[in-house]
């Protein structure tokens, strides 16, 4: 029986690189504010999802009791 060994080294390296990039980005002026605005927009956009699903056009479902193409 063979077990798969996961590569935790590359995952932790990726996580560390991500953290470093995020830290560098947040250190730049205005980035934190833009992220807050974008997060607010995402929250409002999720709130409209129910409206969008209720107002989109209904799909036509065609059923038949025959398999003839005629």
N, C-alpha and C. Protein backbone atom coordinates (compact mmCIF):
# COMPACT_ATOMS: atom_id res chain seq x y z
N UNK A 1 0.85 -1.17 0.00
CA UNK A 1 0.00 0.00 0.00
C UNK A 1 0.90 1.24 0.00
N UNK A 2 0.59 2.17 -0.89
CA UNK A 2 1.38 3.38 -1.02
C UNK A 2 0.60 4.57 -0.49
N UNK A 3 1.25 5.38 0.28
CA UNK A 3 0.60 6.60 0.76
C UNK A 3 1.21 7.80 0.06
N UNK A 4 0.39 8.79 -0.23
CA UNK A 4 0.88 10.00 -0.88
C UNK A 4 1.39 10.96 0.18
N UNK A 5 2.55 11.46 -0.06
CA UNK A 5 3.14 12.43 0.86
C UNK A 5 2.87 13.82 0.31
N UNK A 6 2.25 14.68 1.09
CA UNK A 6 1.97 16.03 0.63
C UNK A 6 3.19 16.91 0.82
N UNK A 7 3.35 17.86 -0.05
CA UNK A 7 4.50 18.74 0.01
C UNK A 7 4.14 19.95 0.86
N UNK A 8 4.38 19.85 2.16
CA UNK A 8 4.04 20.95 3.07
C UNK A 8 5.04 22.08 2.95
N UNK A 9 6.24 21.78 2.48
CA UNK A 9 7.26 22.82 2.34
C UNK A 9 6.83 23.87 1.32
N UNK A 10 6.35 23.45 0.15
CA UNK A 10 5.94 24.42 -0.87
C UNK A 10 4.70 25.19 -0.43
N UNK A 11 3.79 24.54 0.31
CA UNK A 11 2.61 25.23 0.79
C UNK A 11 2.99 26.32 1.78
N UNK A 12 3.86 26.00 2.71
CA UNK A 12 4.25 27.00 3.69
C UNK A 12 5.06 28.11 3.03
N UNK A 13 5.85 27.78 2.02
CA UNK A 13 6.61 28.79 1.29
C UNK A 13 5.65 29.73 0.56
N UNK A 14 4.62 29.15 -0.06
CA UNK A 14 3.62 29.96 -0.75
C UNK A 14 2.88 30.88 0.22
N UNK A 15 2.52 30.33 1.36
CA UNK A 15 1.83 31.13 2.37
C UNK A 15 2.71 32.28 2.85
N UNK A 16 4.00 32.00 3.02
CA UNK A 16 4.92 33.03 3.47
C UNK A 16 5.09 34.11 2.38
N UNK A 17 5.20 33.69 1.13
CA UNK A 17 5.31 34.66 0.04
C UNK A 17 4.05 35.52 -0.05
N UNK A 18 2.90 34.89 0.15
CA UNK A 18 1.63 35.63 0.12
C UNK A 18 1.60 36.67 1.23
N UNK A 19 2.00 36.27 2.42
CA UNK A 19 2.01 37.19 3.56
C UNK A 19 2.96 38.36 3.31
N UNK A 20 4.11 38.06 2.71
CA UNK A 20 5.06 39.13 2.42
C UNK A 20 4.52 40.09 1.38
N UNK A 21 3.88 39.57 0.33
CA UNK A 21 3.29 40.44 -0.70
C UNK A 21 2.18 41.30 -0.12
N UNK A 22 1.34 40.70 0.72
CA UNK A 22 0.25 41.44 1.33
C UNK A 22 0.78 42.54 2.23
N UNK A 23 1.80 42.23 3.01
CA UNK A 23 2.40 43.22 3.90
C UNK A 23 3.00 44.37 3.09
N UNK A 24 3.68 44.05 2.00
CA UNK A 24 4.27 45.09 1.16
C UNK A 24 3.19 45.95 0.51
N UNK A 25 2.10 45.33 0.09
CA UNK A 25 1.02 46.08 -0.55
C UNK A 25 0.33 47.01 0.44
N UNK A 26 0.05 46.51 1.63
CA UNK A 26 -0.65 47.31 2.64
C UNK A 26 0.23 48.48 3.11
N UNK A 27 1.54 48.33 3.01
CA UNK A 27 2.45 49.40 3.42
C UNK A 27 2.40 50.59 2.45
N UNK A 28 1.93 50.36 1.24
CA UNK A 28 1.85 51.44 0.25
C UNK A 28 0.68 52.35 0.59
N UNK A 29 0.82 53.65 0.35
CA UNK A 29 -0.26 54.58 0.70
C UNK A 29 -1.51 54.35 -0.15
N UNK A 30 -2.65 54.32 0.52
CA UNK A 30 -3.94 54.21 -0.16
C UNK A 30 -4.43 52.80 -0.39
N UNK A 31 -3.56 51.81 -0.30
CA UNK A 31 -3.96 50.43 -0.59
C UNK A 31 -4.95 49.93 0.45
N UNK A 32 -4.71 50.22 1.71
CA UNK A 32 -5.62 49.78 2.77
C UNK A 32 -7.02 50.36 2.56
N UNK A 33 -7.09 51.64 2.20
CA UNK A 33 -8.38 52.29 1.98
C UNK A 33 -9.11 51.68 0.79
N UNK A 34 -8.37 51.41 -0.28
CA UNK A 34 -8.98 50.80 -1.46
C UNK A 34 -9.51 49.41 -1.11
N UNK A 35 -8.76 48.65 -0.31
CA UNK A 35 -9.22 47.33 0.10
C UNK A 35 -10.50 47.42 0.94
N UNK A 36 -10.61 48.45 1.79
CA UNK A 36 -11.82 48.64 2.59
C UNK A 36 -13.01 48.97 1.70
N UNK A 37 -12.80 49.84 0.71
CA UNK A 37 -13.88 50.20 -0.21
C UNK A 37 -14.31 48.98 -1.01
N UNK A 38 -13.35 48.23 -1.51
CA UNK A 38 -13.66 47.04 -2.29
C UNK A 38 -14.40 46.00 -1.44
N UNK A 39 -13.99 45.83 -0.19
CA UNK A 39 -14.69 44.90 0.70
C UNK A 39 -16.13 45.33 0.95
N UNK A 40 -16.34 46.64 1.10
CA UNK A 40 -17.71 47.15 1.25
C UNK A 40 -18.55 46.90 0.02
N UNK A 41 -17.93 47.08 -1.15
CA UNK A 41 -18.66 46.83 -2.39
C UNK A 41 -19.03 45.36 -2.50
N UNK A 42 -18.10 44.45 -2.16
CA UNK A 42 -18.39 43.03 -2.22
C UNK A 42 -19.57 42.67 -1.32
N UNK A 43 -19.62 43.26 -0.14
CA UNK A 43 -20.71 42.99 0.80
C UNK A 43 -22.04 43.44 0.21
N UNK A 44 -22.06 44.64 -0.36
CA UNK A 44 -23.31 45.15 -0.97
C UNK A 44 -23.69 44.30 -2.18
N UNK A 45 -22.70 43.89 -2.96
CA UNK A 45 -22.98 43.08 -4.14
C UNK A 45 -23.58 41.73 -3.76
N UNK A 46 -23.07 41.11 -2.67
CA UNK A 46 -23.65 39.84 -2.21
C UNK A 46 -25.10 40.03 -1.79
N UNK A 47 -25.42 41.21 -1.24
CA UNK A 47 -26.79 41.48 -0.83
C UNK A 47 -27.75 41.55 -2.00
N UNK A 48 -27.25 41.86 -3.18
CA UNK A 48 -28.11 41.95 -4.36
C UNK A 48 -28.28 40.62 -5.08
N UNK A 49 -27.58 39.58 -4.64
CA UNK A 49 -27.65 38.29 -5.31
C UNK A 49 -29.07 37.72 -5.31
N UNK A 50 -29.81 37.88 -4.23
CA UNK A 50 -31.19 37.38 -4.17
C UNK A 50 -32.06 38.10 -5.20
N UNK A 51 -31.87 39.40 -5.33
CA UNK A 51 -32.63 40.17 -6.33
C UNK A 51 -32.29 39.70 -7.74
N UNK A 52 -31.02 39.51 -8.02
CA UNK A 52 -30.61 39.08 -9.35
C UNK A 52 -31.20 37.72 -9.70
N UNK A 53 -31.16 36.79 -8.75
CA UNK A 53 -31.68 35.46 -9.05
C UNK A 53 -33.20 35.48 -9.21
N UNK A 54 -33.87 36.40 -8.53
CA UNK A 54 -35.34 36.47 -8.63
C UNK A 54 -35.80 37.17 -9.91
N UNK A 55 -34.96 38.01 -10.48
CA UNK A 55 -35.39 38.79 -11.64
C UNK A 55 -34.82 38.31 -12.97
N UNK A 56 -33.98 37.29 -12.96
CA UNK A 56 -33.47 36.82 -14.25
C UNK A 56 -34.54 36.04 -14.99
N UNK A 57 -34.40 35.98 -16.31
CA UNK A 57 -35.41 35.32 -17.12
C UNK A 57 -35.49 33.83 -16.79
N UNK A 58 -36.71 33.35 -16.72
CA UNK A 58 -36.92 31.93 -16.45
C UNK A 58 -36.55 31.12 -17.68
N UNK A 59 -35.95 29.97 -17.47
CA UNK A 59 -35.59 29.11 -18.58
C UNK A 59 -36.79 28.27 -18.97
N UNK A 60 -36.93 28.04 -20.28
CA UNK A 60 -37.99 27.18 -20.76
C UNK A 60 -37.55 25.73 -20.67
N UNK A 61 -38.37 24.92 -20.04
CA UNK A 61 -38.08 23.49 -19.96
C UNK A 61 -39.12 22.78 -20.80
N UNK A 62 -38.66 22.14 -21.84
CA UNK A 62 -39.55 21.47 -22.78
C UNK A 62 -39.50 19.98 -22.50
N UNK A 63 -40.66 19.39 -22.29
CA UNK A 63 -40.73 17.94 -22.07
C UNK A 63 -41.68 17.34 -23.07
N UNK A 64 -41.49 16.08 -23.34
CA UNK A 64 -42.35 15.37 -24.28
C UNK A 64 -42.51 13.93 -23.81
N UNK A 65 -43.54 13.29 -24.30
CA UNK A 65 -43.75 11.89 -23.95
C UNK A 65 -43.32 10.99 -25.10
N UNK A 66 -42.61 11.54 -26.07
CA UNK A 66 -42.18 10.77 -27.23
C UNK A 66 -40.71 11.06 -27.52
N UNK A 67 -40.01 10.09 -28.04
CA UNK A 67 -38.62 10.31 -28.41
C UNK A 67 -38.47 10.57 -29.91
N UNK A 68 -39.60 10.64 -30.64
CA UNK A 68 -39.56 10.94 -32.07
C UNK A 68 -39.13 12.38 -32.29
N UNK A 69 -38.30 12.59 -33.30
CA UNK A 69 -37.87 13.95 -33.64
C UNK A 69 -38.90 14.63 -34.53
N UNK A 70 -39.86 13.89 -35.05
CA UNK A 70 -40.87 14.47 -35.96
C UNK A 70 -41.89 15.32 -35.28
